[in-house]
Amino acid sequence: MATGWAGDGAVQDQIDATIKDGIERVRSQLPKGASLKRCEECDAKIPEGRRKALPGVRLCVACQELHDAESGSVGGYNRRGSKDSQLR
């Protein structure tokens, strides 16, 4: 397929880079270090099962849900530009 100045694999390279960026963003948000026994927000006890399931957990379920709701979801916006702008 003729794409002008772009190479044959340019679209796939862009898709791969977007996926890689998304994975790195999510991994950077994972908790690190030892899990806390008590929530750092409300001081409620964090159950052992949660601490084992999520190493490095710092919030109880209620505070985590509140934190997630306040953070909002990140859309799938491609920060590298649109396909059309890169293939011209």
N, C-alpha and C. Protein backbone atom coordinates (compact mmCIF):
# COMPACT_ATOMS: atom_id res chain seq x y z
N MET A 1 0.85 -1.17 0.00
CA MET A 1 0.00 0.00 0.00
C MET A 1 0.89 1.24 0.00
N ALA A 2 0.61 2.17 -0.86
CA ALA A 2 1.38 3.40 -0.95
C ALA A 2 0.99 4.33 0.21
N THR A 3 1.98 4.80 0.94
CA THR A 3 1.70 5.66 2.08
C THR A 3 2.49 6.95 2.04
N GLY A 4 3.01 7.34 0.90
CA GLY A 4 3.79 8.57 0.84
C GLY A 4 5.15 8.36 1.47
N TRP A 5 5.50 9.23 2.41
CA TRP A 5 6.82 9.18 3.02
C TRP A 5 6.94 8.15 4.13
N ALA A 6 5.84 7.67 4.61
CA ALA A 6 5.87 6.70 5.72
C ALA A 6 6.31 5.33 5.21
N GLY A 7 7.00 4.62 6.06
CA GLY A 7 7.41 3.26 5.71
C GLY A 7 6.24 2.31 5.74
N ASP A 8 6.46 1.11 5.23
CA ASP A 8 5.38 0.13 5.13
C ASP A 8 4.81 -0.24 6.50
N GLY A 9 5.60 -0.27 7.54
CA GLY A 9 5.13 -0.68 8.85
C GLY A 9 4.82 0.48 9.79
N ALA A 10 4.66 1.69 9.26
CA ALA A 10 4.49 2.87 10.11
C ALA A 10 3.24 2.80 10.98
N VAL A 11 2.15 2.35 10.43
CA VAL A 11 0.90 2.29 11.20
C VAL A 11 1.04 1.26 12.32
N GLN A 12 1.59 0.10 12.01
CA GLN A 12 1.77 -0.93 13.04
C GLN A 12 2.75 -0.46 14.10
N ASP A 13 3.81 0.25 13.70
CA ASP A 13 4.76 0.79 14.68
C ASP A 13 4.07 1.76 15.63
N GLN A 14 3.18 2.58 15.09
CA GLN A 14 2.45 3.53 15.92
C GLN A 14 1.53 2.80 16.90
N ILE A 15 0.86 1.77 16.44
CA ILE A 15 -0.02 0.97 17.31
C ILE A 15 0.80 0.32 18.41
N ASP A 16 1.92 -0.29 18.05
CA ASP A 16 2.79 -0.94 19.03
C ASP A 16 3.30 0.05 20.08
N ALA A 17 3.70 1.25 19.63
CA ALA A 17 4.20 2.25 20.56
C ALA A 17 3.11 2.72 21.52
N THR A 18 1.89 2.87 21.02
CA THR A 18 0.77 3.29 21.87
C THR A 18 0.47 2.24 22.93
N ILE A 19 0.49 0.98 22.55
CA ILE A 19 0.26 -0.10 23.50
C ILE A 19 1.37 -0.15 24.54
N LYS A 20 2.61 -0.02 24.09
CA LYS A 20 3.75 -0.02 25.01
C LYS A 20 3.64 1.12 26.01
N ASP A 21 3.28 2.32 25.54
CA ASP A 21 3.11 3.46 26.44
C ASP A 21 2.03 3.20 27.48
N GLY A 22 0.93 2.60 27.06
CA GLY A 22 -0.17 2.29 27.98
C GLY A 22 0.25 1.30 29.05
N ILE A 23 0.97 0.27 28.65
CA ILE A 23 1.45 -0.74 29.60
C ILE A 23 2.41 -0.11 30.60
N GLU A 24 3.33 0.72 30.12
CA GLU A 24 4.28 1.38 31.02
C GLU A 24 3.57 2.30 32.01
N ARG A 25 2.53 3.01 31.53
CA ARG A 25 1.77 3.91 32.41
C ARG A 25 1.09 3.13 33.52
N VAL A 26 0.45 2.01 33.17
CA VAL A 26 -0.24 1.20 34.17
C VAL A 26 0.75 0.59 35.14
N ARG A 27 1.86 0.07 34.64
CA ARG A 27 2.86 -0.53 35.53
C ARG A 27 3.43 0.50 36.50
N SER A 28 3.58 1.74 36.05
CA SER A 28 4.14 2.77 36.93
C SER A 28 3.18 3.12 38.06
N GLN A 29 1.90 2.81 37.91
CA GLN A 29 0.91 3.11 38.93
C GLN A 29 0.71 1.97 39.92
N LEU A 30 1.32 0.82 39.67
CA LEU A 30 1.20 -0.30 40.59
C LEU A 30 1.91 0.02 41.90
N PRO A 31 1.36 -0.45 43.02
CA PRO A 31 2.01 -0.20 44.31
C PRO A 31 3.37 -0.88 44.37
N LYS A 32 4.28 -0.28 45.11
CA LYS A 32 5.63 -0.83 45.27
C LYS A 32 5.95 -0.93 46.76
N GLY A 33 6.83 -1.82 47.10
CA GLY A 33 7.26 -1.96 48.49
C GLY A 33 6.36 -2.89 49.28
N ALA A 34 6.52 -2.84 50.59
CA ALA A 34 5.74 -3.70 51.48
C ALA A 34 4.32 -3.16 51.64
N SER A 35 3.37 -4.07 51.76
CA SER A 35 1.98 -3.68 52.00
C SER A 35 1.83 -3.13 53.41
N LEU A 36 0.93 -2.19 53.54
CA LEU A 36 0.61 -1.65 54.87
C LEU A 36 -0.45 -2.52 55.53
N LYS A 37 -0.42 -2.60 56.85
CA LYS A 37 -1.44 -3.35 57.58
C LYS A 37 -2.66 -2.49 57.84
N ARG A 38 -2.47 -1.17 57.81
CA ARG A 38 -3.57 -0.23 58.03
C ARG A 38 -3.58 0.78 56.89
N CYS A 39 -4.75 1.18 56.48
CA CYS A 39 -4.94 2.13 55.38
C CYS A 39 -4.27 3.46 55.72
N GLU A 40 -3.52 4.00 54.76
CA GLU A 40 -2.85 5.27 55.02
C GLU A 40 -3.81 6.46 54.98
N GLU A 41 -5.03 6.26 54.51
CA GLU A 41 -6.03 7.33 54.47
C GLU A 41 -6.93 7.35 55.71
N CYS A 42 -7.52 6.19 56.01
CA CYS A 42 -8.53 6.15 57.10
C CYS A 42 -8.10 5.30 58.30
N ASP A 43 -6.96 4.68 58.23
CA ASP A 43 -6.41 3.85 59.31
C ASP A 43 -7.21 2.57 59.56
N ALA A 44 -8.06 2.18 58.61
CA ALA A 44 -8.79 0.91 58.74
C ALA A 44 -7.82 -0.25 58.46
N LYS A 45 -8.10 -1.40 59.05
CA LYS A 45 -7.26 -2.57 58.84
C LYS A 45 -7.41 -3.06 57.40
N ILE A 46 -6.27 -3.36 56.76
CA ILE A 46 -6.28 -3.94 55.42
C ILE A 46 -6.20 -5.45 55.58
N PRO A 47 -7.20 -6.19 55.09
CA PRO A 47 -7.21 -7.65 55.27
C PRO A 47 -5.97 -8.32 54.67
N GLU A 48 -5.56 -9.41 55.31
CA GLU A 48 -4.37 -10.13 54.87
C GLU A 48 -4.51 -10.61 53.42
N GLY A 49 -5.71 -11.04 53.04
CA GLY A 49 -5.93 -11.50 51.67
C GLY A 49 -5.65 -10.41 50.65
N ARG A 50 -6.05 -9.18 50.96
CA ARG A 50 -5.79 -8.05 50.06
C ARG A 50 -4.29 -7.75 50.00
N ARG A 51 -3.62 -7.84 51.14
CA ARG A 51 -2.18 -7.58 51.17
C ARG A 51 -1.41 -8.62 50.36
N LYS A 52 -1.88 -9.87 50.40
CA LYS A 52 -1.21 -10.93 49.62
C LYS A 52 -1.51 -10.80 48.13
N ALA A 53 -2.75 -10.43 47.82
CA ALA A 53 -3.15 -10.32 46.41
C ALA A 53 -2.51 -9.12 45.72
N LEU A 54 -2.29 -8.05 46.48
CA LEU A 54 -1.72 -6.82 45.91
C LEU A 54 -0.50 -6.39 46.72
N PRO A 55 0.66 -6.96 46.45
CA PRO A 55 1.85 -6.56 47.19
C PRO A 55 2.07 -5.04 47.05
N GLY A 56 2.32 -4.39 48.17
CA GLY A 56 2.54 -2.95 48.16
C GLY A 56 1.28 -2.13 48.34
N VAL A 57 0.16 -2.80 48.63
CA VAL A 57 -1.11 -2.09 48.78
C VAL A 57 -1.03 -1.11 49.95
N ARG A 58 -1.63 0.08 49.77
CA ARG A 58 -1.53 1.13 50.78
C ARG A 58 -2.91 1.61 51.25
N LEU A 59 -3.97 1.23 50.54
CA LEU A 59 -5.31 1.70 50.86
C LEU A 59 -6.26 0.53 51.07
N CYS A 60 -7.26 0.74 51.93
CA CYS A 60 -8.33 -0.26 52.08
C CYS A 60 -9.21 -0.20 50.82
N VAL A 61 -10.11 -1.16 50.69
CA VAL A 61 -10.95 -1.23 49.49
C VAL A 61 -11.78 0.04 49.32
N ALA A 62 -12.39 0.51 50.40
CA ALA A 62 -13.25 1.71 50.31
C ALA A 62 -12.46 2.93 49.84
N CYS A 63 -11.30 3.14 50.43
CA CYS A 63 -10.48 4.30 50.05
C CYS A 63 -9.92 4.13 48.63
N GLN A 64 -9.60 2.90 48.24
CA GLN A 64 -9.11 2.66 46.89
C GLN A 64 -10.19 2.96 45.86
N GLU A 65 -11.43 2.54 46.16
CA GLU A 65 -12.55 2.83 45.25
C GLU A 65 -12.75 4.33 45.12
N LEU A 66 -12.67 5.05 46.22
CA LEU A 66 -12.81 6.51 46.19
C LEU A 66 -11.68 7.14 45.38
N HIS A 67 -10.47 6.67 45.60
CA HIS A 67 -9.31 7.17 44.86
C HIS A 67 -9.46 6.93 43.37
N ASP A 68 -9.91 5.73 42.99
CA ASP A 68 -10.09 5.39 41.57
C ASP A 68 -11.17 6.26 40.93
N ALA A 69 -12.25 6.51 41.67
CA ALA A 69 -13.34 7.33 41.14
C ALA A 69 -12.87 8.77 40.94
N GLU A 70 -12.07 9.28 41.86
CA GLU A 70 -11.56 10.65 41.74
C GLU A 70 -10.54 10.79 40.62
N SER A 71 -9.79 9.74 40.38
CA SER A 71 -8.76 9.78 39.34
C SER A 71 -9.36 9.81 37.95
N GLY A 72 -10.54 9.21 37.80
CA GLY A 72 -11.17 9.14 36.49
C GLY A 72 -10.44 8.15 35.61
N SER A 73 -11.04 7.84 34.52
CA SER A 73 -10.41 6.89 33.61
C SER A 73 -9.65 7.65 32.54
N VAL A 74 -8.55 7.07 32.12
CA VAL A 74 -7.75 7.66 31.07
C VAL A 74 -8.25 7.10 29.75
N GLY A 75 -8.55 7.98 28.84
CA GLY A 75 -9.06 7.56 27.54
C GLY A 75 -7.96 6.96 26.69
N GLY A 76 -8.34 6.43 25.57
CA GLY A 76 -7.39 5.82 24.66
C GLY A 76 -6.85 6.82 23.66
N TYR A 77 -6.65 8.05 24.07
CA TYR A 77 -6.16 9.09 23.16
C TYR A 77 -4.72 8.81 22.79
N ASN A 78 -4.44 8.84 21.52
CA ASN A 78 -3.09 8.58 21.05
C ASN A 78 -2.31 9.89 21.06
N ARG A 79 -1.40 10.03 22.01
CA ARG A 79 -0.63 11.26 22.14
C ARG A 79 0.39 11.45 21.04
N ARG A 80 0.62 10.45 20.24
CA ARG A 80 1.61 10.55 19.18
C ARG A 80 1.04 11.21 17.92
N GLY A 81 -0.22 11.54 17.93
CA GLY A 81 -0.82 12.18 16.77
C GLY A 81 -1.72 11.23 16.02
N SER A 82 -2.49 11.77 15.13
CA SER A 82 -3.40 10.92 14.37
C SER A 82 -2.65 10.21 13.25
N LYS A 83 -3.23 9.13 12.79
CA LYS A 83 -2.64 8.37 11.71
C LYS A 83 -2.46 9.25 10.47
N ASP A 84 -3.46 10.04 10.15
CA ASP A 84 -3.40 10.87 8.94
C ASP A 84 -2.27 11.88 9.01
N SER A 85 -2.06 12.48 10.18
CA SER A 85 -1.01 13.51 10.28
C SER A 85 0.39 12.90 10.16
N GLN A 86 0.53 11.64 10.54
CA GLN A 86 1.86 11.03 10.46
C GLN A 86 2.15 10.41 9.10
N LEU A 87 1.13 10.12 8.35
CA LEU A 87 1.34 9.44 7.07
C LEU A 87 1.38 10.41 5.88
N ARG A 88 1.33 11.70 6.13
CA ARG A 88 1.41 12.67 5.02
C ARG A 88 2.83 12.96 4.66
